Every structure is written in structure tokens, then in C-alpha cells.
Amino acid sequence: MAVQLQRASLYDILETVLSASQRASEIARFVRLQGDLFVEVKEEGEGNPKFKEDFKTLADVLIQESIKFDLSKKFSVLGKSIFGEESGCCQSHDGHVIHLTISEEEHNTRSLLLRIVGSQHATLVSQLLSLIYKPLPKQSVPDQERLSGISVDLSDIALWVDPIDGTNEYVKGGVAELLSGISPSGLGCVTCLIGAFSKSSSLPFLGVVNQPFWEEESESWMGRCAWGVSYGTVKIASSDTGFSVTAEDDCASCVVVVSSSEEPQIVQQLQRSHDFHVIQANGAGYKLLCVIDGLVAAYLTSKPTIYQWDTCGPHAILLALGGGVISYHDNKDLKSLDNLPQLSYHVGGCHGDPCHSNGIIAYRSISALSTLLSALQRTSQT
């Protein structure tokens, strides 16, 4: 039975979201190792337009529902305020559409999974159920006393979830050679993203980026997790953020990461400025993580291919670090960086399309953003 809470401490919310993301990461690794990912092509209007074919797997849907289940079990009032990229529907082995939900009754979930994958995969289903229903792993969070003292109105909270960002990389697999510490493709670009925002302010205040395939050891993978809280004057981020380099390092401060589908004109503008070296990488969540880690100065996309489920979690972390995420087209000619208009978030299904239709610029410091905008403005006139 879900606990009927109306308020909760920031610590309890963060610890639960972190734990849910760790379970999600375990499911992602387990399904990937099975070989059969139960892949289906998203229907027209459901997928990201930048892909000729956009995929989803059983893991995408199962992880999203697992996160909803874990968070709703702890905070029942959040049940109808958790939104994600996936519709919750899977193609069954015999061609029917099944809406996958995880319920308190394990046998109900077992029945749905068997209808999706077929009875020949009964062992796989049992293994998945053991991952889904085992107790949430406890997470160690610093500043527990400080975060425990901040009470949040749960009715003002909504969440965006991207269960597997970089599904195409998840399906293809493989490991790419690093470029300046950045993985341009492969499993390293896969992330699980969870972000909480305030309905009243439309701003994100808590985010988690889980990277399930961070480091390969023998025949298994280790993951890592970055998180941040930006709530009023409270700005706290995990020690993992910026573990590789800092944003002030010469190498990182002159790199901008973009998608391989970015407009050539913009890439040429950045290169022509001589201020930045451009690196291409896959996965919106992963590119945002590169900014969080300080591997790059910024991530830029000019196209309407980024969604609220991609940015909400990473945006909260960047705000905690003193950075942010803004609209590209609305701010590319901006002269003053005072009172920067951050991207805003809304409840799924309301107030229009969840797509950031004007593109985004994600940055870890104001100085990095200032240099980037100056470079774009200067080169656009030449």
C-alpha cells in the first residue's frame, strides 16, 4: 500500500529517485546481456524525427514502468504526475498491443510479460521479476541533515523520465574509442534520465543521470550516477560530477559537443571562431552528461529533436553547478546574460508539445556560455 504523504523531505525524494535509477540501470544491463532485446520500430509520430527509424525495446518500456512503480509506491500522490518518453505499450509475440504496467501483485506483471515475450521466455520473465520486486537499493547521499530539513509539497511536483536515452546505441551495442574523454557512439552513450520539476515555477529542481554502461569489467559492466538538487538557495551535486576534468581546464573549455545531425553551417561557425573544437556524440542525455562532467564547455543543438524527458534531470544538475539549459534560437543573439530565461517544463499532455522546438544550449558556467554566444554572433556576420 502506497504511503499517503502530502509532503516529503528533499532527502527522501532524492534517495528514492536515485534508488529507482539504480534499479533501472540493473534492468538495462540485464536485458542487454540477454541478446534478444525485443526491439520494435516506433510508429510515425511516436519516434524522434531525426532518426529514419526510431526504436524502442522491452527494456525502455519496462524501466519506465519500474520507475513509476517505485516512486508511486513511496509517494502515491506522484502517481499521475510521472511522465515519460514511452507510451507504455509493447508489441506482443503474437502481434497484439499490450499496455505494460507493474502492479503490487507480481502474478499480474508476470502474466503481462509472458504475453509480450511468449511462454518460451518464462525463465527470462522470472529473472526480470526478481529485479523489479526486490527491495530498492539504499543510496548514500551527502548533506543528509540539510536535505532532510527541507520539506516539499508533493502535489507541486511532476517528473519526466527517459528510461533509456540512446536506444539506438543500446540496440547496436559496442564500445567506441574515446575522443578527448568523450564516447562518440556505443553503449557509453546510453543513459537513464529522471528529472523533477515544480508545477508552479516550471523549473527543474532535482535530477539524476544514470550511465549503466560506464566501465566494462571482464564480461560485465559497471554504471555510475550523477545527481543534483537546485531548490531555492540549496545547490548540491554529487561528487561524481566533474570527476574527469573541471570546466575551467583548457581542454574542456574549448570543446562543444553536438549531434552528428547538427546543421553543418553551425558546426562551421563554431570551428571558424577558433574558440571551440567540435566533437560529435550520440545520445542527448550523454551529451548533457558531458557538460555536467566538465568534459565540454557546452552542448548545442539547433533542431527540434530534444524533449523535456531528455533535459529535465540534467538541467537540474546543471543549475546546481551554476550552469543551465536555455533555448538556442531564442537566445543565440542575446547580448546580456542577466536573468537568463531557463527552459521551462510542464505536465505531460498539457500546454502543447513536450519538444524543445527551438533547440537548446546547455552550459556548465556563465563564462562558457558567454564565449559560445560571442563566437556564434561573431561568425554569423562573416
Protein backbone atom coordinates (compact mmCIF):
# COMPACT_ATOMS: atom_id res chain seq x y z
CA MET A 1 0.00 0.00 0.00
CA ALA A 2 1.41 3.40 -1.03
CA VAL A 3 2.05 5.83 1.78
CA GLN A 4 -0.38 8.75 1.57
CA LEU A 5 2.11 11.56 2.01
CA GLN A 6 1.38 15.16 1.02
CA ARG A 7 4.85 16.46 1.85
CA ALA A 8 8.29 14.87 1.87
CA SER A 9 11.85 15.96 2.54
CA LEU A 10 14.19 16.65 -0.34
CA TYR A 11 16.39 13.89 1.05
CA ASP A 12 13.63 11.25 0.84
CA ILE A 13 12.73 12.29 -2.70
CA LEU A 14 16.35 12.26 -3.89
CA GLU A 15 17.15 8.95 -2.20
CA THR A 16 14.08 7.29 -3.77
CA VAL A 17 14.80 8.67 -7.25
CA LEU A 18 18.43 7.55 -7.00
CA SER A 19 17.38 4.08 -5.91
CA ALA A 20 14.83 3.81 -8.72
CA SER A 21 17.51 4.83 -11.24
CA GLN A 22 19.86 2.16 -9.93
CA ARG A 23 17.19 -0.50 -10.41
CA ALA A 24 16.62 0.88 -13.92
CA SER A 25 20.33 0.59 -14.64
CA GLU A 26 20.36 -3.03 -13.47
CA ILE A 27 17.42 -3.89 -15.73
CA ALA A 28 19.11 -2.15 -18.70
CA ARG A 29 22.32 -4.16 -18.23
CA PHE A 30 20.48 -7.45 -17.65
CA VAL A 31 18.28 -7.16 -20.75
CA ARG A 32 21.23 -6.08 -22.92
CA LEU A 33 23.20 -9.16 -21.90
CA GLN A 34 20.35 -11.48 -22.92
CA GLY A 35 20.88 -10.75 -26.59
CA ASP A 36 17.18 -10.62 -27.53
CA LEU A 37 16.08 -7.04 -26.79
CA PHE A 38 12.54 -7.46 -28.20
CA VAL A 39 13.05 -4.47 -30.48
CA GLU A 40 10.25 -2.73 -32.32
CA VAL A 41 10.22 0.34 -34.56
CA LYS A 42 8.21 3.24 -33.20
CA GLU A 43 5.19 4.26 -35.26
CA GLU A 44 5.06 7.52 -37.19
CA GLY A 45 4.55 10.43 -34.82
CA GLU A 46 5.91 8.44 -31.86
CA GLY A 47 9.60 8.50 -32.70
CA ASN A 48 12.24 11.23 -32.87
CA PRO A 49 12.14 12.81 -36.37
CA LYS A 50 15.94 12.93 -36.64
CA PHE A 51 16.02 9.13 -36.96
CA LYS A 52 14.90 7.34 -40.11
CA GLU A 53 13.86 4.55 -37.77
CA ASP A 54 13.49 5.14 -34.03
CA PHE A 55 13.48 2.03 -31.88
CA LYS A 56 12.15 1.01 -28.52
CA THR A 57 12.88 -2.18 -26.66
CA LEU A 58 11.24 -4.14 -23.89
CA ALA A 59 13.77 -2.52 -21.54
CA ASP A 60 12.60 1.01 -22.48
CA VAL A 61 9.01 0.29 -21.51
CA LEU A 62 9.82 -1.93 -18.53
CA ILE A 63 12.24 0.58 -16.99
CA GLN A 64 9.81 3.47 -17.37
CA GLU A 65 7.06 1.47 -15.67
CA SER A 66 9.50 0.29 -12.98
CA ILE A 67 10.43 3.89 -12.15
CA LYS A 68 6.75 4.87 -11.99
CA PHE A 69 6.04 1.90 -9.74
CA ASP A 70 8.92 2.62 -7.35
CA LEU A 71 8.16 6.32 -6.99
CA SER A 72 4.40 5.85 -6.70
CA LYS A 73 4.86 3.17 -4.07
CA LYS A 74 6.80 5.59 -1.88
CA PHE A 75 4.83 8.73 -2.77
CA SER A 76 1.38 7.79 -4.02
CA VAL A 77 0.39 11.38 -4.79
CA LEU A 78 3.02 11.42 -7.55
CA GLY A 79 1.38 8.54 -9.42
CA LYS A 80 -0.37 10.68 -12.01
CA SER A 81 2.45 13.22 -12.29
CA ILE A 82 5.17 10.95 -13.68
CA PHE A 83 5.59 11.24 -17.44
CA GLY A 84 7.98 9.61 -19.86
CA GLU A 85 9.07 9.17 -23.42
CA GLU A 86 7.40 5.79 -23.90
CA SER A 87 3.69 5.12 -24.33
CA GLY A 88 3.79 2.02 -22.11
CA CYS A 89 2.68 -0.20 -24.98
CA CYS A 90 4.59 -3.20 -26.33
CA GLN A 91 4.06 -5.43 -29.31
CA SER A 92 3.36 -8.96 -28.09
CA HIS A 93 5.00 -12.02 -29.59
CA ASP A 94 1.76 -12.82 -31.44
CA GLY A 95 1.19 -9.32 -32.82
CA HIS A 96 -1.11 -7.75 -30.24
CA VAL A 97 -0.51 -4.44 -28.46
CA ILE A 98 -0.09 -4.88 -24.71
CA HIS A 99 -0.07 -2.00 -22.24
CA LEU A 100 2.59 -2.98 -19.72
CA THR A 101 2.04 -1.92 -16.13
CA ILE A 102 3.72 -3.07 -12.95
CA SER A 103 1.34 -3.76 -10.10
CA GLU A 104 1.63 -4.77 -6.47
CA GLU A 105 0.55 -8.29 -7.48
CA GLU A 106 3.59 -9.94 -9.05
CA HIS A 107 1.48 -12.55 -10.84
CA ASN A 108 -0.29 -9.81 -12.82
CA THR A 109 3.01 -8.39 -14.04
CA ARG A 110 4.22 -11.91 -14.86
CA SER A 111 1.12 -12.51 -16.97
CA LEU A 112 1.64 -9.32 -18.97
CA LEU A 113 5.34 -10.02 -19.57
CA LEU A 114 4.61 -13.57 -20.73
CA ARG A 115 2.02 -12.25 -23.17
CA ILE A 116 4.68 -9.90 -24.58
CA VAL A 117 7.68 -12.24 -24.85
CA GLY A 118 5.99 -15.64 -25.04
CA SER A 119 5.98 -18.61 -22.67
CA GLN A 120 9.28 -19.86 -24.10
CA HIS A 121 10.92 -16.97 -22.23
CA ALA A 122 9.44 -17.87 -18.83
CA THR A 123 12.89 -18.03 -17.22
CA LEU A 124 13.72 -14.54 -18.50
CA VAL A 125 10.44 -13.23 -17.09
CA SER A 126 11.20 -14.75 -13.68
CA GLN A 127 14.62 -13.10 -13.66
CA LEU A 128 13.12 -9.74 -14.62
CA LEU A 129 10.52 -10.02 -11.87
CA SER A 130 13.24 -10.67 -9.31
CA LEU A 131 14.91 -7.40 -10.36
CA ILE A 132 11.63 -5.46 -10.34
CA TYR A 133 10.32 -6.62 -6.97
CA LYS A 134 13.45 -6.84 -4.87
CA PRO A 135 13.78 -4.06 -2.26
CA LEU A 136 15.13 -0.79 -3.60
CA PRO A 137 18.89 -0.49 -3.08
CA LYS A 138 19.70 2.10 -0.45
CA GLN A 139 21.74 5.07 -1.62
CA SER A 140 24.26 7.13 0.29
CA VAL A 141 23.54 10.84 -0.11
CA PRO A 142 25.73 13.58 1.39
CA ASP A 143 24.24 16.58 3.20
CA GLN A 144 21.52 14.33 4.58
CA GLU A 145 20.78 16.64 7.52
CA ARG A 146 20.47 19.69 5.28
CA LEU A 147 18.25 17.98 2.70
CA SER A 148 16.14 16.28 5.36
CA GLY A 149 15.26 19.68 6.80
CA ILE A 150 13.66 20.91 3.56
CA SER A 151 10.00 19.91 3.16
CA VAL A 152 8.46 19.83 -0.32
CA ASP A 153 4.79 19.86 -1.31
CA LEU A 154 4.38 16.66 -3.32
CA SER A 155 1.31 17.99 -5.13
CA ASP A 156 3.56 20.63 -6.75
CA ILE A 157 5.95 18.02 -8.17
CA ALA A 158 5.94 16.35 -11.58
CA LEU A 159 8.63 14.19 -13.15
CA TRP A 160 9.94 13.49 -16.62
CA VAL A 161 11.58 10.12 -17.32
CA ASP A 162 13.63 8.88 -20.25
CA PRO A 163 14.13 5.21 -19.38
CA ILE A 164 16.82 4.56 -21.98
CA ASP A 165 18.16 7.60 -23.75
CA GLY A 166 20.23 6.47 -26.71
CA THR A 167 18.10 3.44 -27.55
CA ASN A 168 19.71 3.15 -30.99
CA GLU A 169 23.12 2.81 -29.30
CA TYR A 170 21.60 0.35 -26.82
CA VAL A 171 20.36 -1.80 -29.69
CA LYS A 172 23.58 -1.65 -31.72
CA GLY A 173 25.87 -2.12 -28.71
CA GLY A 174 29.62 -1.90 -28.98
CA VAL A 175 32.24 0.39 -27.49
CA ALA A 176 33.78 3.35 -29.31
CA GLU A 177 37.24 4.79 -28.87
CA LEU A 178 37.17 7.90 -26.68
CA LEU A 179 37.81 11.33 -28.19
CA SER A 180 39.07 13.77 -25.54
CA GLY A 181 37.37 11.56 -22.94
CA ILE A 182 34.08 11.50 -24.88
CA SER A 183 32.43 8.39 -26.29
CA PRO A 184 31.09 9.33 -29.75
CA SER A 185 28.86 6.25 -30.01
CA GLY A 186 28.14 2.85 -28.48
CA LEU A 187 26.89 1.75 -25.08
CA GLY A 188 28.75 4.54 -23.30
CA CYS A 189 26.20 6.98 -24.76
CA VAL A 190 23.25 5.23 -23.07
CA THR A 191 21.71 6.97 -20.05
CA CYS A 192 18.65 6.74 -17.82
CA LEU A 193 17.25 10.20 -17.04
CA ILE A 194 14.91 11.25 -14.23
CA GLY A 195 14.04 14.87 -13.50
CA ALA A 196 11.64 16.50 -11.05
CA PHE A 197 10.24 19.98 -11.60
CA SER A 198 7.90 22.34 -9.79
CA LYS A 199 4.49 22.71 -11.41
CA SER A 200 4.16 26.22 -10.02
CA SER A 201 7.54 27.56 -11.19
CA SER A 202 8.00 25.22 -14.21
CA LEU A 203 11.67 24.86 -13.25
CA PRO A 204 13.55 21.60 -12.55
CA PHE A 205 14.89 21.19 -9.03
CA LEU A 206 16.17 17.60 -8.83
CA GLY A 207 17.84 15.43 -11.42
CA VAL A 208 19.54 12.08 -11.86
CA VAL A 209 21.57 10.81 -14.82
CA ASN A 210 22.44 7.13 -14.57
CA GLN A 211 25.01 5.75 -17.03
CA PRO A 212 24.54 1.94 -16.98
CA PHE A 213 27.47 1.14 -19.28
CA TRP A 214 30.15 3.39 -17.89
CA GLU A 215 33.02 0.97 -17.45
CA GLU A 216 33.46 -2.55 -18.76
CA GLU A 217 34.99 -5.10 -16.41
CA SER A 218 35.66 -8.59 -17.71
CA GLU A 219 32.30 -9.63 -19.20
CA SER A 220 30.17 -7.26 -17.15
CA TRP A 221 29.54 -3.54 -16.88
CA MET A 222 29.71 -1.02 -14.06
CA GLY A 223 27.47 2.02 -14.02
CA ARG A 224 27.73 5.43 -12.47
CA CYS A 225 25.24 8.05 -11.37
CA ALA A 226 25.32 11.85 -11.35
CA TRP A 227 22.70 13.86 -9.46
CA GLY A 228 21.95 17.40 -8.41
CA VAL A 229 19.49 19.46 -6.38
CA SER A 230 18.73 23.11 -7.12
CA TYR A 231 15.99 24.17 -4.72
CA GLY A 232 15.91 27.84 -3.81
CA THR A 233 19.30 28.68 -2.35
CA VAL A 234 20.20 24.99 -1.93
CA LYS A 235 22.64 23.89 -4.64
CA ILE A 236 24.10 20.41 -4.14
CA ALA A 237 25.55 18.00 -6.70
CA SER A 238 27.10 14.55 -6.46
CA SER A 239 30.86 14.18 -6.16
CA ASP A 240 30.86 12.26 -9.47
CA THR A 241 30.03 15.41 -11.45
CA GLY A 242 33.21 16.78 -12.92
CA PHE A 243 35.21 13.74 -11.80
CA SER A 244 37.23 13.63 -15.02
CA VAL A 245 38.13 17.29 -15.55
CA THR A 246 36.81 20.64 -14.46
CA ALA A 247 35.06 23.14 -16.70
CA GLU A 248 37.99 25.53 -16.29
CA ASP A 249 40.54 23.16 -17.84
CA ASP A 250 41.92 24.45 -21.15
CA CYS A 251 40.93 21.28 -23.00
CA ALA A 252 37.34 21.20 -21.77
CA SER A 253 36.67 24.93 -22.06
CA CYS A 254 37.27 24.93 -25.82
CA VAL A 255 35.07 21.95 -26.74
CA VAL A 256 31.42 21.98 -27.80
CA VAL A 257 29.61 18.68 -28.27
CA VAL A 258 26.92 18.38 -30.94
CA SER A 259 24.85 15.68 -32.59
CA SER A 260 26.03 14.08 -35.82
CA SER A 261 22.87 15.52 -37.40
CA GLU A 262 23.66 19.13 -36.43
CA GLU A 263 23.45 21.74 -39.19
CA PRO A 264 26.86 21.95 -40.98
CA GLN A 265 26.59 25.76 -41.04
CA ILE A 266 26.56 25.92 -37.22
CA VAL A 267 29.44 23.48 -36.89
CA GLN A 268 31.42 25.58 -39.37
CA GLN A 269 30.59 28.75 -37.42
CA LEU A 270 32.00 27.24 -34.24
CA GLN A 271 35.12 25.96 -35.97
CA ARG A 272 35.64 29.26 -37.79
CA SER A 273 35.59 31.15 -34.49
CA HIS A 274 38.82 29.40 -33.39
CA ASP A 275 37.35 29.44 -29.86
CA PHE A 276 35.99 25.92 -29.99
CA HIS A 277 36.75 22.42 -31.16
CA VAL A 278 33.60 20.49 -32.10
CA ILE A 279 33.06 16.84 -31.17
CA GLN A 280 30.08 14.79 -32.31
CA ALA A 281 28.45 12.26 -30.00
CA ASN A 282 25.20 10.34 -29.79
CA GLY A 283 22.55 10.44 -27.08
CA ALA A 284 21.10 13.73 -25.82
CA GLY A 285 21.38 12.59 -22.20
CA TYR A 286 25.01 11.59 -22.70
CA LYS A 287 25.92 14.92 -24.30
CA LEU A 288 24.28 16.70 -21.37
CA LEU A 289 26.30 14.47 -19.03
CA CYS A 290 29.47 15.56 -20.83
CA VAL A 291 28.60 19.15 -19.90
CA ILE A 292 27.85 18.12 -16.31
CA ASP A 293 31.19 16.32 -16.06
CA GLY A 294 33.07 19.32 -17.44
CA LEU A 295 34.33 17.34 -20.43
CA VAL A 296 32.96 20.09 -22.68
CA ALA A 297 32.05 23.76 -22.33
CA ALA A 298 28.62 23.33 -23.84
CA TYR A 299 26.19 21.18 -25.80
CA LEU A 300 24.31 22.84 -28.63
CA THR A 301 21.51 21.64 -30.87
CA SER A 302 19.60 23.89 -33.23
CA LYS A 303 16.99 21.32 -34.24
CA PRO A 304 13.60 20.39 -32.70
CA THR A 305 14.80 16.92 -31.68
CA ILE A 306 15.23 17.36 -27.91
CA TYR A 307 12.41 16.78 -25.47
CA GLN A 308 11.55 17.58 -21.87
CA TRP A 309 12.30 13.99 -20.83
CA ASP A 310 15.84 14.46 -22.24
CA THR A 311 16.65 17.67 -20.40
CA CYS A 312 14.69 17.85 -17.14
CA GLY A 313 17.05 15.76 -15.00
CA PRO A 314 20.36 17.03 -16.45
CA HIS A 315 19.03 20.61 -16.33
CA ALA A 316 18.51 20.38 -12.56
CA ILE A 317 22.09 19.13 -12.11
CA LEU A 318 23.50 21.94 -14.25
CA LEU A 319 21.53 24.53 -12.24
CA ALA A 320 23.06 23.06 -9.08
CA LEU A 321 26.52 23.50 -10.62
CA GLY A 322 25.94 27.11 -11.66
CA GLY A 323 25.08 26.35 -15.28
CA GLY A 324 21.80 25.81 -17.07
CA VAL A 325 19.93 24.99 -20.27
CA ILE A 326 18.39 27.67 -22.48
CA SER A 327 16.68 27.82 -25.87
CA TYR A 328 19.11 28.10 -28.79
CA HIS A 329 17.05 30.11 -31.29
CA ASP A 330 15.57 32.40 -28.61
CA ASN A 331 18.96 33.30 -27.15
CA LYS A 332 21.61 32.95 -29.87
CA ASP A 333 21.64 36.75 -30.38
CA LEU A 334 21.45 37.55 -26.66
CA LYS A 335 23.80 40.33 -25.51
CA SER A 336 23.10 40.41 -21.78
CA LEU A 337 23.36 37.26 -19.66
CA ASP A 338 21.48 38.75 -16.71
CA ASN A 339 18.33 36.86 -15.72
CA LEU A 340 18.77 34.15 -18.33
CA PRO A 341 15.44 32.57 -19.33
CA GLN A 342 15.90 28.89 -18.49
CA LEU A 343 13.94 26.18 -20.28
CA SER A 344 10.60 25.55 -18.59
CA TYR A 345 8.72 22.28 -18.03
CA HIS A 346 5.08 21.36 -17.93
CA VAL A 347 2.87 18.42 -17.11
CA GLY A 348 2.75 15.84 -19.90
CA GLY A 349 -0.17 16.24 -22.25
CA CYS A 350 -0.82 19.87 -21.25
CA HIS A 351 0.29 23.18 -22.75
CA GLY A 352 1.47 21.74 -26.05
CA ASP A 353 4.29 19.62 -27.39
CA PRO A 354 7.00 18.43 -24.94
CA CYS A 355 9.59 19.10 -27.66
CA HIS A 356 12.07 21.95 -27.19
CA SER A 357 11.27 23.16 -30.68
CA ASN A 358 13.82 26.00 -30.67
CA GLY A 359 16.80 23.79 -29.84
CA ILE A 360 18.93 24.10 -26.71
CA ILE A 361 22.25 25.29 -25.35
CA ALA A 362 23.43 23.51 -22.21
CA TYR A 363 26.32 25.08 -20.32
CA ARG A 364 28.16 24.49 -17.04
CA SER A 365 29.28 28.08 -16.45
CA ILE A 366 28.20 31.58 -17.47
CA SER A 367 31.67 32.28 -18.85
CA ALA A 368 31.42 29.27 -21.18
CA LEU A 369 28.01 30.42 -22.40
CA SER A 370 29.26 33.97 -22.94
CA THR A 371 32.19 32.76 -25.06
CA LEU A 372 29.92 30.45 -27.07
CA LEU A 373 27.32 33.14 -27.84
CA SER A 374 30.05 35.62 -28.77
CA ALA A 375 31.58 33.10 -31.16
CA LEU A 376 28.24 32.37 -32.82
CA GLN A 377 27.35 36.06 -33.15
CA ARG A 378 30.77 36.99 -34.48
CA THR A 379 30.96 34.25 -37.11
CA SER A 380 27.37 34.70 -38.27
CA GLN A 381 28.39 38.13 -39.57
CA THR A 382 31.38 36.90 -41.59
